[in-house]
Amino acid sequence: MKIGLSAGGTFERMVEQVQEAEADGFDTMWFAGGIGMDPLTVIAAAGRATDRIELGTSIVPTYPRHPTSMAQQTVAVQAAVGGDGNRFTLGIGVSHKPAVEDMLGMPYDRPGKNMHEYLSVLRPLLHEGKVAFDGEFYKVRSAMGAPSATPTPVLVAALAPVMLRAAGSLAEGTITWMANARAIESHVSPLIRKAASDAGRDEPRIVVGLPVAVCDDESEGRSDAAKQFAGYGALPNYQRVLAHGGCEGPGDAAIIGDEASVRAQLQALLDAGGTDVWAAIFPVGADRRASRARTRALLQELAATT
C-alpha cells in the first residue's frame, strides 16, 4: 500500500519530517499550499536532504502563478530534488472561490476551463520545452530550452466532472481531498479513467487524501474530526464530493477506528480505484502525542508491505 503523509510547521521542521518519513519507510510526503510558505522551496531543500522519498504538492494554487512561471519553478525543483523525475510530483489546483476572489482579488471564472487551458500551457513546457497556445484565459508563446529527460508528473486536484476530465486527458492523474471510497468508486475513478482512455493516456494516478486516526472509540474520533476539519465542509467543492460519498460532513469521510478497521478502510480506497493514500494524521482524545503515534505506527506497518 503506497502511503504518504502531510508536512507542516517551520521550514526546518518540515525538512526533518521528510527525513523521518523516509527513514520510517513512507513513500511520499505531501506539502499543502496552505503551509504558510512556498511549498516548492521547502521541497527543493527537503529533496537535497533525502535520497528516496517522493515529494509532492497537494496542492499549489494555479491562479496566483502563471503556467510559464510554474513550469520554470517545477524544472528547478526537479533538478534540486534529483531522482530522474521520479521523486517530485507537482500537484496543482484552482483552490476555492473565497480564496481566489476574496483573498487575492482575482476573478474565479469557470475554473474547469481555466485549468484545461493552464494544463495546455504547462504540459508542453514540461515535456517539449516550448508552447504556442491561444486560449480564452491564456495566450502564450514561450520557450524554456531543452525539457527534462523525465518530465515532472502533474496531478490535478479534481473533484468536479470538468476538472476530472481535464486531469485525465492532460495530466498524470488527480489528488483528492474529502473523497471517501464510495466517492472514488462512483464518481472520481470512472470519470478520470474514461478521460485518460479517450485521450490515449496511461492509467491515471489517483491519490486519495483523507484525515486518518486510529482509536478505540470511533464516535469520539468522528466527533473530533468533525470539529478539526469543519472548515472543509463549508466549501462548495468539498460539499459536492462529500455528497457523492454519502457524507454529511468531513467527520463522516475521515478514516477512523481501531487498527483492523482503519486497515480495512484504507484497503477499500484502493479497491475503489485509488492508487495511493495520502494520510493526514490527526489526534483523537486528550493525549494528542500518543494518538498520533498510534496512527503513524499502523501506517508505517502498512507502508512496509508495498
C-alpha atoms as a PDB file:
ATOM      1  CA  MET A   1       0.000   0.000   0.000  1.00  0.00           C
ATOM      2  CA  LYS A   2       1.602   3.264  -1.130  1.00  0.00           C
ATOM      3  CA  ILE A   3       1.192   5.733   1.719  1.00  0.00           C
ATOM      4  CA  GLY A   4       2.137   9.385   2.022  1.00  0.00           C
ATOM      5  CA  LEU A   5       1.974  11.797   4.945  1.00  0.00           C
ATOM      6  CA  SER A   6       1.449  15.543   5.336  1.00  0.00           C
ATOM      7  CA  ALA A   7       4.196  18.050   6.158  1.00  0.00           C
ATOM      8  CA  GLY A   8       3.746  21.174   8.250  1.00  0.00           C
ATOM      9  CA  GLY A   9       5.407  23.505  10.719  1.00  0.00           C
ATOM     10  CA  THR A  10       8.558  25.567  10.380  1.00  0.00           C
ATOM     11  CA  PHE A  11      10.869  25.278   7.377  1.00  0.00           C
ATOM     12  CA  GLU A  12      13.412  23.316   9.390  1.00  0.00           C
ATOM     13  CA  ARG A  13      10.765  21.072  10.930  1.00  0.00           C
ATOM     14  CA  MET A  14       9.286  20.165   7.546  1.00  0.00           C
ATOM     15  CA  VAL A  15      12.696  19.099   6.255  1.00  0.00           C
ATOM     16  CA  GLU A  16      13.093  16.976   9.394  1.00  0.00           C
ATOM     17  CA  GLN A  17       9.655  15.442   8.841  1.00  0.00           C
ATOM     18  CA  VAL A  18      10.690  14.339   5.364  1.00  0.00           C
ATOM     19  CA  GLN A  19      13.883  12.800   6.703  1.00  0.00           C
ATOM     20  CA  GLU A  20      11.919  10.970   9.399  1.00  0.00           C
ATOM     21  CA  ALA A  21       9.302   9.748   6.932  1.00  0.00           C
ATOM     22  CA  GLU A  22      11.978   8.423   4.597  1.00  0.00           C
ATOM     23  CA  ALA A  23      13.721   6.615   7.475  1.00  0.00           C
ATOM     24  CA  ASP A  24      10.382   5.094   8.514  1.00  0.00           C
ATOM     25  CA  GLY A  25       9.714   3.724   5.036  1.00  0.00           C
ATOM     26  CA  PHE A  26       6.903   6.007   3.886  1.00  0.00           C
ATOM     27  CA  ASP A  27       6.505   6.513   0.156  1.00  0.00           C
ATOM     28  CA  THR A  28       5.600  10.190  -0.153  1.00  0.00           C
ATOM     29  CA  MET A  29       5.442  13.450   1.769  1.00  0.00           C
ATOM     30  CA  TRP A  30       2.777  15.900   0.619  1.00  0.00           C
ATOM     31  CA  PHE A  31       3.082  19.674   1.077  1.00  0.00           C
ATOM     32  CA  ALA A  32      -0.111  21.716   1.088  1.00  0.00           C
ATOM     33  CA  GLY A  33      -0.298  25.165  -0.446  1.00  0.00           C
ATOM     34  CA  GLY A  34      -1.531  26.494   2.886  1.00  0.00           C
ATOM     35  CA  ILE A  35       1.567  25.664   4.944  1.00  0.00           C
ATOM     36  CA  GLY A  36       2.298  29.382   5.279  1.00  0.00           C
ATOM     37  CA  MET A  37       5.270  29.474   2.913  1.00  0.00           C
ATOM     38  CA  ASP A  38       6.108  28.380  -0.615  1.00  0.00           C
ATOM     39  CA  PRO A  39       5.915  24.557  -0.658  1.00  0.00           C
ATOM     40  CA  LEU A  40       8.106  24.245  -3.737  1.00  0.00           C
ATOM     41  CA  THR A  41      11.004  25.952  -1.991  1.00  0.00           C
ATOM     42  CA  VAL A  42      10.654  23.650   1.007  1.00  0.00           C
ATOM     43  CA  ILE A  43      10.547  20.613  -1.300  1.00  0.00           C
ATOM     44  CA  ALA A  44      13.768  21.684  -3.019  1.00  0.00           C
ATOM     45  CA  ALA A  45      15.514  21.805   0.364  1.00  0.00           C
ATOM     46  CA  ALA A  46      13.951  18.552   1.610  1.00  0.00           C
ATOM     47  CA  GLY A  47      14.921  16.779  -1.576  1.00  0.00           C
ATOM     48  CA  ARG A  48      18.558  17.707  -1.073  1.00  0.00           C
ATOM     49  CA  ALA A  49      18.397  16.285   2.457  1.00  0.00           C
ATOM     50  CA  THR A  50      16.935  12.898   1.438  1.00  0.00           C
ATOM     51  CA  ASP A  51      17.542  10.190  -1.142  1.00  0.00           C
ATOM     52  CA  ARG A  52      14.436   8.157  -1.906  1.00  0.00           C
ATOM     53  CA  ILE A  53      11.108   9.520  -0.714  1.00  0.00           C
ATOM     54  CA  GLU A  54       8.779  11.137  -3.233  1.00  0.00           C
ATOM     55  CA  LEU A  55       7.882  14.762  -2.550  1.00  0.00           C
ATOM     56  CA  GLY A  56       4.669  16.291  -3.833  1.00  0.00           C
ATOM     57  CA  THR A  57       2.466  19.342  -3.551  1.00  0.00           C
ATOM     58  CA  SER A  58      -1.142  18.981  -2.517  1.00  0.00           C
ATOM     59  CA  ILE A  59      -1.608  21.493  -3.956  1.00  0.00           C
ATOM     60  CA  VAL A  60      -0.084  24.663  -5.456  1.00  0.00           C
ATOM     61  CA  PRO A  61      -2.938  27.038  -6.419  1.00  0.00           C
ATOM     62  CA  THR A  62      -2.805  27.983 -10.083  1.00  0.00           C
ATOM     63  CA  TYR A  63      -4.419  31.409 -10.129  1.00  0.00           C
ATOM     64  CA  PRO A  64      -1.506  33.252  -8.437  1.00  0.00           C
ATOM     65  CA  ARG A  65       1.113  31.595 -10.696  1.00  0.00           C
ATOM     66  CA  HIS A  66       1.199  31.904 -14.463  1.00  0.00           C
ATOM     67  CA  PRO A  67       1.808  28.489 -16.073  1.00  0.00           C
ATOM     68  CA  THR A  68       5.152  29.635 -17.504  1.00  0.00           C
ATOM     69  CA  SER A  69       6.350  30.567 -14.008  1.00  0.00           C
ATOM     70  CA  MET A  70       5.026  27.286 -12.647  1.00  0.00           C
ATOM     71  CA  ALA A  71       6.929  25.408 -15.343  1.00  0.00           C
ATOM     72  CA  GLN A  72      10.180  27.236 -14.598  1.00  0.00           C
ATOM     73  CA  GLN A  73       9.939  26.565 -10.883  1.00  0.00           C
ATOM     74  CA  THR A  74       8.950  22.951 -11.473  1.00  0.00           C
ATOM     75  CA  VAL A  75      12.040  22.303 -13.580  1.00  0.00           C
ATOM     76  CA  ALA A  76      14.230  23.970 -10.961  1.00  0.00           C
ATOM     77  CA  VAL A  77      12.718  21.953  -8.105  1.00  0.00           C
ATOM     78  CA  GLN A  78      13.073  18.709 -10.022  1.00  0.00           C
ATOM     79  CA  ALA A  79      16.744  19.478 -10.614  1.00  0.00           C
ATOM     80  CA  ALA A  80      17.231  20.210  -6.921  1.00  0.00           C
ATOM     81  CA  VAL A  81      15.441  17.066  -5.781  1.00  0.00           C
ATOM     82  CA  GLY A  82      17.054  14.767  -8.343  1.00  0.00           C
ATOM     83  CA  GLY A  83      15.978  11.203  -8.915  1.00  0.00           C
ATOM     84  CA  ASP A  84      15.451  11.431 -12.684  1.00  0.00           C
ATOM     85  CA  GLY A  85      11.964  12.899 -12.355  1.00  0.00           C
ATOM     86  CA  ASN A  86      10.528  10.210 -10.103  1.00  0.00           C
ATOM     87  CA  ARG A  87      10.953  11.999  -6.761  1.00  0.00           C
ATOM     88  CA  PHE A  88       8.967  15.173  -7.340  1.00  0.00           C
ATOM     89  CA  THR A  89       5.286  15.330  -8.262  1.00  0.00           C
ATOM     90  CA  LEU A  90       3.572  18.638  -8.924  1.00  0.00           C
ATOM     91  CA  GLY A  91       0.029  18.771  -7.612  1.00  0.00           C
ATOM     92  CA  ILE A  92      -1.930  21.821  -8.751  1.00  0.00           C
ATOM     93  CA  GLY A  93      -5.470  23.075  -8.305  1.00  0.00           C
ATOM     94  CA  VAL A  94      -7.721  26.079  -8.737  1.00  0.00           C
ATOM     95  CA  SER A  95      -8.344  26.370  -4.983  1.00  0.00           C
ATOM     96  CA  HIS A  96     -11.719  27.846  -3.980  1.00  0.00           C
ATOM     97  CA  LYS A  97     -13.765  30.905  -4.856  1.00  0.00           C
ATOM     98  CA  PRO A  98     -13.358  32.643  -1.453  1.00  0.00           C
ATOM     99  CA  ALA A  99      -9.584  32.170  -1.546  1.00  0.00           C
ATOM    100  CA  VAL A 100      -9.237  33.463  -5.098  1.00  0.00           C
ATOM    101  CA  GLU A 101     -11.798  36.269  -5.177  1.00  0.00           C
ATOM    102  CA  ASP A 102     -11.822  37.489  -1.577  1.00  0.00           C
ATOM    103  CA  MET A 103      -8.176  36.939  -0.659  1.00  0.00           C
ATOM    104  CA  LEU A 104      -6.448  37.521  -3.999  1.00  0.00           C
ATOM    105  CA  GLY A 105      -8.933  39.860  -5.630  1.00  0.00           C
ATOM    106  CA  MET A 106      -8.955  37.786  -8.804  1.00  0.00           C
ATOM    107  CA  PRO A 107     -11.995  36.501 -10.735  1.00  0.00           C
ATOM    108  CA  TYR A 108     -12.812  32.822 -10.176  1.00  0.00           C
ATOM    109  CA  ASP A 109     -14.295  32.474 -13.625  1.00  0.00           C
ATOM    110  CA  ARG A 110     -15.048  28.992 -14.983  1.00  0.00           C
ATOM    111  CA  PRO A 111     -12.290  27.215 -13.071  1.00  0.00           C
ATOM    112  CA  GLY A 112     -12.644  23.999 -15.078  1.00  0.00           C
ATOM    113  CA  LYS A 113     -11.999  25.782 -18.358  1.00  0.00           C
ATOM    114  CA  ASN A 114      -9.204  27.786 -16.755  1.00  0.00           C
ATOM    115  CA  MET A 115      -7.488  24.586 -15.596  1.00  0.00           C
ATOM    116  CA  HIS A 116      -7.824  22.954 -19.003  1.00  0.00           C
ATOM    117  CA  GLU A 117      -6.036  25.913 -20.592  1.00  0.00           C
ATOM    118  CA  TYR A 118      -3.482  26.038 -17.777  1.00  0.00           C
ATOM    119  CA  LEU A 119      -2.521  22.426 -18.434  1.00  0.00           C
ATOM    120  CA  SER A 120      -2.445  23.114 -22.167  1.00  0.00           C
ATOM    121  CA  VAL A 121       0.355  25.588 -21.483  1.00  0.00           C
ATOM    122  CA  LEU A 122       2.128  23.833 -18.616  1.00  0.00           C
ATOM    123  CA  ARG A 123       2.353  20.344 -20.088  1.00  0.00           C
ATOM    124  CA  PRO A 124       4.082  21.318 -23.392  1.00  0.00           C
ATOM    125  CA  LEU A 125       6.584  23.427 -21.458  1.00  0.00           C
ATOM    126  CA  LEU A 126       7.469  20.497 -19.210  1.00  0.00           C
ATOM    127  CA  HIS A 127       7.510  17.890 -21.994  1.00  0.00           C
ATOM    128  CA  GLU A 128       8.764  19.846 -25.000  1.00  0.00           C
ATOM    129  CA  GLY A 129      10.359  22.950 -23.525  1.00  0.00           C
ATOM    130  CA  LYS A 130       8.127  25.254 -25.557  1.00  0.00           C
ATOM    131  CA  VAL A 131       4.492  26.145 -26.158  1.00  0.00           C
ATOM    132  CA  ALA A 132       2.296  28.097 -28.548  1.00  0.00           C
ATOM    133  CA  PHE A 133      -1.233  28.334 -27.224  1.00  0.00           C
ATOM    134  CA  ASP A 134      -4.134  30.704 -27.855  1.00  0.00           C
ATOM    135  CA  GLY A 135      -6.997  30.344 -25.425  1.00  0.00           C
ATOM    136  CA  GLU A 136      -9.506  32.456 -23.628  1.00  0.00           C
ATOM    137  CA  PHE A 137      -7.557  32.756 -20.393  1.00  0.00           C
ATOM    138  CA  TYR A 138      -4.001  32.204 -21.639  1.00  0.00           C
ATOM    139  CA  LYS A 139      -2.283  33.275 -24.831  1.00  0.00           C
ATOM    140  CA  VAL A 140       1.287  32.071 -24.576  1.00  0.00           C
ATOM    141  CA  ARG A 141       4.288  31.716 -26.869  1.00  0.00           C
ATOM    142  CA  SER A 142       7.266  30.737 -24.775  1.00  0.00           C
ATOM    143  CA  ALA A 143      10.314  28.512 -24.726  1.00  0.00           C
ATOM    144  CA  MET A 144      12.455  27.253 -21.860  1.00  0.00           C
ATOM    145  CA  GLY A 145      15.068  25.307 -23.777  1.00  0.00           C
ATOM    146  CA  ALA A 146      15.533  21.553 -23.682  1.00  0.00           C
ATOM    147  CA  PRO A 147      12.985  19.748 -21.491  1.00  0.00           C
ATOM    148  CA  SER A 148      13.946  17.357 -18.725  1.00  0.00           C
ATOM    149  CA  ALA A 149      14.674  13.789 -19.799  1.00  0.00           C
ATOM    150  CA  THR A 150      11.862  12.653 -17.489  1.00  0.00           C
ATOM    151  CA  PRO A 151       9.296  15.448 -17.129  1.00  0.00           C
ATOM    152  CA  THR A 152       7.773  16.074 -13.717  1.00  0.00           C
ATOM    153  CA  PRO A 153       4.395  14.327 -13.404  1.00  0.00           C
ATOM    154  CA  VAL A 154       1.431  16.626 -12.769  1.00  0.00           C
ATOM    155  CA  LEU A 155      -1.607  15.796 -10.664  1.00  0.00           C
ATOM    156  CA  VAL A 156      -4.730  17.951 -10.543  1.00  0.00           C
ATOM    157  CA  ALA A 157      -6.933  18.499  -7.522  1.00  0.00           C
ATOM    158  CA  ALA A 158     -10.049  17.340  -9.338  1.00  0.00           C
ATOM    159  CA  LEU A 159     -13.467  16.722  -7.831  1.00  0.00           C
ATOM    160  CA  ALA A 160     -15.988  18.075 -10.359  1.00  0.00           C
ATOM    161  CA  PRO A 161     -16.576  16.345 -13.735  1.00  0.00           C
ATOM    162  CA  VAL A 162     -14.968  19.079 -15.866  1.00  0.00           C
ATOM    163  CA  MET A 163     -11.848  19.071 -13.683  1.00  0.00           C
ATOM    164  CA  LEU A 164     -11.634  15.281 -13.664  1.00  0.00           C
ATOM    165  CA  ARG A 165     -11.820  15.191 -17.452  1.00  0.00           C
ATOM    166  CA  ALA A 166      -9.015  17.763 -17.658  1.00  0.00           C
ATOM    167  CA  ALA A 167      -6.909  15.749 -15.218  1.00  0.00           C
ATOM    168  CA  GLY A 168      -7.461  12.530 -17.140  1.00  0.00           C
ATOM    169  CA  SER A 169      -6.763  13.942 -20.581  1.00  0.00           C
ATOM    170  CA  LEU A 170      -3.924  16.378 -19.819  1.00  0.00           C
ATOM    171  CA  ALA A 171      -2.255  15.321 -16.566  1.00  0.00           C
ATOM    172  CA  GLU A 172      -0.932  12.184 -14.924  1.00  0.00           C
ATOM    173  CA  GLY A 173      -3.834  11.917 -12.509  1.00  0.00           C
ATOM    174  CA  THR A 174      -5.567  13.520  -9.578  1.00  0.00           C
ATOM    175  CA  ILE A 175      -5.073  14.139  -5.886  1.00  0.00           C
ATOM    176  CA  THR A 176      -8.311  14.338  -3.933  1.00  0.00           C
ATOM    177  CA  TRP A 177      -9.359  15.528  -0.512  1.00  0.00           C
ATOM    178  CA  MET A 178     -12.529  14.533   1.368  1.00  0.00           C
ATOM    179  CA  ALA A 179     -13.461  11.883  -1.210  1.00  0.00           C
ATOM    180  CA  ASN A 180     -14.207   8.581   0.552  1.00  0.00           C
ATOM    181  CA  ALA A 181     -14.223   5.120  -1.040  1.00  0.00           C
ATOM    182  CA  ARG A 182     -17.791   5.498  -2.282  1.00  0.00           C
ATOM    183  CA  ALA A 183     -16.999   8.833  -3.951  1.00  0.00           C
ATOM    184  CA  ILE A 184     -13.852   7.420  -5.531  1.00  0.00           C
ATOM    185  CA  GLU A 185     -15.628   4.350  -6.885  1.00  0.00           C
ATOM    186  CA  SER A 186     -18.800   6.028  -8.153  1.00  0.00           C
ATOM    187  CA  HIS A 187     -17.505   9.425  -9.249  1.00  0.00           C
ATOM    188  CA  VAL A 188     -13.769  10.111  -9.336  1.00  0.00           C
ATOM    189  CA  SER A 189     -12.356   6.885 -10.756  1.00  0.00           C
ATOM    190  CA  PRO A 190     -14.852   6.317 -13.610  1.00  0.00           C
ATOM    191  CA  LEU A 191     -14.646   9.888 -14.892  1.00  0.00           C
ATOM    192  CA  ILE A 192     -10.873  10.321 -14.810  1.00  0.00           C
ATOM    193  CA  ARG A 193     -10.161   6.855 -16.169  1.00  0.00           C
ATOM    194  CA  LYS A 194     -12.541   7.343 -19.095  1.00  0.00           C
ATOM    195  CA  ALA A 195     -10.971  10.719 -19.888  1.00  0.00           C
ATOM    196  CA  ALA A 196      -7.500   9.193 -19.847  1.00  0.00           C
ATOM    197  CA  SER A 197      -8.614   6.279 -22.030  1.00  0.00           C
ATOM    198  CA  ASP A 198     -10.361   8.543 -24.524  1.00  0.00           C
ATOM    199  CA  ALA A 199      -7.185  10.637 -24.800  1.00  0.00           C
ATOM    200  CA  GLY A 200      -4.973   7.582 -25.265  1.00  0.00           C
ATOM    201  CA  ARG A 201      -3.225   8.215 -21.960  1.00  0.00           C
ATOM    202  CA  ASP A 202      -1.884   5.741 -19.430  1.00  0.00           C
ATOM    203  CA  GLU A 203      -3.976   4.755 -16.427  1.00  0.00           C
ATOM    204  CA  PRO A 204      -4.180   7.840 -14.185  1.00  0.00           C
ATOM    205  CA  ARG A 205      -2.783   8.042 -10.697  1.00  0.00           C
ATOM    206  CA  ILE A 206      -5.477   8.643  -8.068  1.00  0.00           C
ATOM    207  CA  VAL A 207      -4.043   9.871  -4.778  1.00  0.00           C
ATOM    208  CA  VAL A 208      -6.764   9.749  -2.134  1.00  0.00           C
ATOM    209  CA  GLY A 209      -6.306  12.239   0.687  1.00  0.00           C
ATOM    210  CA  LEU A 210      -8.275  11.870   3.913  1.00  0.00           C
ATOM    211  CA  PRO A 211      -7.869  12.515   7.650  1.00  0.00           C
ATOM    212  CA  VAL A 212      -6.801   9.333   9.435  1.00  0.00           C
ATOM    213  CA  ALA A 213      -6.866   8.398  13.114  1.00  0.00           C
ATOM    214  CA  VAL A 214      -6.503   5.057  14.874  1.00  0.00           C
ATOM    215  CA  CYS A 215      -8.563   4.993  18.072  1.00  0.00           C
ATOM    216  CA  ASP A 216     -10.792   2.685  20.091  1.00  0.00           C
ATOM    217  CA  ASP A 217     -13.807   4.990  20.265  1.00  0.00           C
ATOM    218  CA  GLU A 218     -14.926   5.651  16.690  1.00  0.00           C
ATOM    219  CA  SER A 219     -17.701   8.018  17.743  1.00  0.00           C
ATOM    220  CA  GLU A 220     -15.214  10.172  19.651  1.00  0.00           C
ATOM    221  CA  GLY A 221     -12.913  10.113  16.638  1.00  0.00           C
ATOM    222  CA  ARG A 222     -15.629  11.236  14.255  1.00  0.00           C
ATOM    223  CA  SER A 223     -16.661  13.975  16.643  1.00  0.00           C
ATOM    224  CA  ASP A 224     -13.065  15.219  16.825  1.00  0.00           C
ATOM    225  CA  ALA A 225     -12.708  15.014  13.038  1.00  0.00           C
ATOM    226  CA  ALA A 226     -15.922  16.979  12.536  1.00  0.00           C
ATOM    227  CA  LYS A 227     -14.508  19.768  14.700  1.00  0.00           C
ATOM    228  CA  GLN A 228     -10.958  19.786  13.365  1.00  0.00           C
ATOM    229  CA  PHE A 229     -11.953  19.705   9.688  1.00  0.00           C
ATOM    230  CA  ALA A 230     -15.204  21.662   9.858  1.00  0.00           C
ATOM    231  CA  GLY A 231     -13.921  24.369   7.523  1.00  0.00           C
ATOM    232  CA  TYR A 232     -13.805  21.996   4.571  1.00  0.00           C
ATOM    233  CA  GLY A 233     -17.482  21.236   4.963  1.00  0.00           C
ATOM    234  CA  ALA A 234     -18.299  24.895   4.290  1.00  0.00           C
ATOM    235  CA  LEU A 235     -16.665  24.953   0.847  1.00  0.00           C
ATOM    236  CA  PRO A 236     -18.890  24.078  -2.152  1.00  0.00           C
ATOM    237  CA  ASN A 237     -16.213  21.996  -3.906  1.00  0.00           C
ATOM    238  CA  TYR A 238     -15.908  19.702  -0.897  1.00  0.00           C
ATOM    239  CA  GLN A 239     -19.624  19.724  -0.181  1.00  0.00           C
ATOM    240  CA  ARG A 240     -20.234  18.172  -3.592  1.00  0.00           C
ATOM    241  CA  VAL A 241     -17.681  15.388  -3.210  1.00  0.00           C
ATOM    242  CA  LEU A 242     -18.854  14.680   0.336  1.00  0.00           C
ATOM    243  CA  ALA A 243     -22.358  14.282  -1.084  1.00  0.00           C
ATOM    244  CA  HIS A 244     -21.042  11.814  -3.681  1.00  0.00           C
ATOM    245  CA  GLY A 245     -19.711   9.803  -0.774  1.00  0.00           C
ATOM    246  CA  GLY A 246     -22.964   9.944   1.162  1.00  0.00           C
ATOM    247  CA  CYS A 247     -21.314  12.054   3.879  1.00  0.00           C
ATOM    248  CA  GLU A 248     -22.949  14.881   5.770  1.00  0.00           C
ATOM    249  CA  GLY A 249     -19.597  16.379   6.689  1.00  0.00           C
ATOM    250  CA  PRO A 250     -15.831  15.809   6.987  1.00  0.00           C
ATOM    251  CA  GLY A 251     -16.280  13.698  10.122  1.00  0.00           C
ATOM    252  CA  ASP A 252     -18.109  11.084   8.065  1.00  0.00           C
ATOM    253  CA  ALA A 253     -15.426  10.947   5.357  1.00  0.00           C
ATOM    254  CA  ALA A 254     -12.436  10.530   7.683  1.00  0.00           C
ATOM    255  CA  ILE A 255     -10.759   7.136   8.175  1.00  0.00           C
ATOM    256  CA  ILE A 256     -11.313   6.310  11.851  1.00  0.00           C
ATOM    257  CA  GLY A 257     -11.347   3.188  14.011  1.00  0.00           C
ATOM    258  CA  ASP A 258      -9.065   0.618  15.581  1.00  0.00           C
ATOM    259  CA  GLU A 259      -6.162  -0.901  13.685  1.00  0.00           C
ATOM    260  CA  ALA A 260      -8.212  -3.559  11.919  1.00  0.00           C
ATOM    261  CA  SER A 261     -10.929  -1.099  10.928  1.00  0.00           C
ATOM    262  CA  VAL A 262      -8.529   1.541   9.607  1.00  0.00           C
ATOM    263  CA  ARG A 263      -6.591  -1.087   7.675  1.00  0.00           C
ATOM    264  CA  ALA A 264      -9.818  -2.243   6.027  1.00  0.00           C
ATOM    265  CA  GLN A 265     -10.967   1.294   5.255  1.00  0.00           C
ATOM    266  CA  LEU A 266      -7.642   2.143   3.629  1.00  0.00           C
ATOM    267  CA  GLN A 267      -7.776  -1.014   1.540  1.00  0.00           C
ATOM    268  CA  ALA A 268     -11.302  -0.048   0.484  1.00  0.00           C
ATOM    269  CA  LEU A 269      -9.897   3.169  -1.020  1.00  0.00           C
ATOM    270  CA  LEU A 270      -7.583   1.130  -3.230  1.00  0.00           C
ATOM    271  CA  ASP A 271     -10.318  -1.346  -4.110  1.00  0.00           C
ATOM    272  CA  ALA A 272     -12.470   1.619  -5.172  1.00  0.00           C
ATOM    273  CA  GLY A 273      -9.858   2.776  -7.687  1.00  0.00           C
ATOM    274  CA  GLY A 274      -7.342   4.767  -5.673  1.00  0.00           C
ATOM    275  CA  THR A 275      -3.660   4.147  -6.352  1.00  0.00           C
ATOM    276  CA  ASP A 276      -2.162   5.921  -3.321  1.00  0.00           C
ATOM    277  CA  VAL A 277      -3.234   7.048   0.123  1.00  0.00           C
ATOM    278  CA  TRP A 278      -2.343  10.485   1.444  1.00  0.00           C
ATOM    279  CA  ALA A 279      -2.957  10.163   5.176  1.00  0.00           C
ATOM    280  CA  ALA A 280      -3.447  13.359   7.144  1.00  0.00           C
ATOM    281  CA  ILE A 281      -2.907  12.081  10.682  1.00  0.00           C
ATOM    282  CA  PHE A 282      -4.985  13.866  13.300  1.00  0.00           C
ATOM    283  CA  PRO A 283      -5.234  13.340  17.070  1.00  0.00           C
ATOM    284  CA  VAL A 284      -8.188  11.932  18.977  1.00  0.00           C
ATOM    285  CA  GLY A 285      -8.658  12.368  22.716  1.00  0.00           C
ATOM    286  CA  ALA A 286      -6.641  14.126  25.382  1.00  0.00           C
ATOM    287  CA  ASP A 287      -3.235  12.564  24.687  1.00  0.00           C
ATOM    288  CA  ARG A 288      -2.582  14.012  21.259  1.00  0.00           C
ATOM    289  CA  ARG A 289       1.007  12.765  21.033  1.00  0.00           C
ATOM    290  CA  ALA A 290       0.065   9.159  21.833  1.00  0.00           C
ATOM    291  CA  SER A 291      -2.846   9.293  19.401  1.00  0.00           C
ATOM    292  CA  ARG A 292      -0.655  10.477  16.541  1.00  0.00           C
ATOM    293  CA  ALA A 293       1.998   7.884  17.365  1.00  0.00           C
ATOM    294  CA  ARG A 294      -0.517   5.043  17.300  1.00  0.00           C
ATOM    295  CA  THR A 295      -1.832   6.091  13.891  1.00  0.00           C
ATOM    296  CA  ARG A 296       1.636   6.572  12.462  1.00  0.00           C
ATOM    297  CA  ALA A 297       2.701   3.136  13.696  1.00  0.00           C
ATOM    298  CA  LEU A 298      -0.088   1.440  11.756  1.00  0.00           C
ATOM    299  CA  LEU A 299       0.580   3.487   8.630  1.00  0.00           C
ATOM    300  CA  GLN A 300       4.289   2.659   8.844  1.00  0.00           C
ATOM    301  CA  GLU A 301       3.436  -1.026   9.077  1.00  0.00           C
ATOM    302  CA  LEU A 302       1.202  -0.776   6.007  1.00  0.00           C
ATOM    303  CA  ALA A 303       3.779   1.218   4.033  1.00  0.00           C
ATOM    304  CA  ALA A 304       6.303  -1.544   4.668  1.00  0.00           C
ATOM    305  CA  THR A 305       4.071  -4.038   2.849  1.00  0.00           C
ATOM    306  CA  THR A 306       4.429  -2.311  -0.555  1.00  0.00           C
END
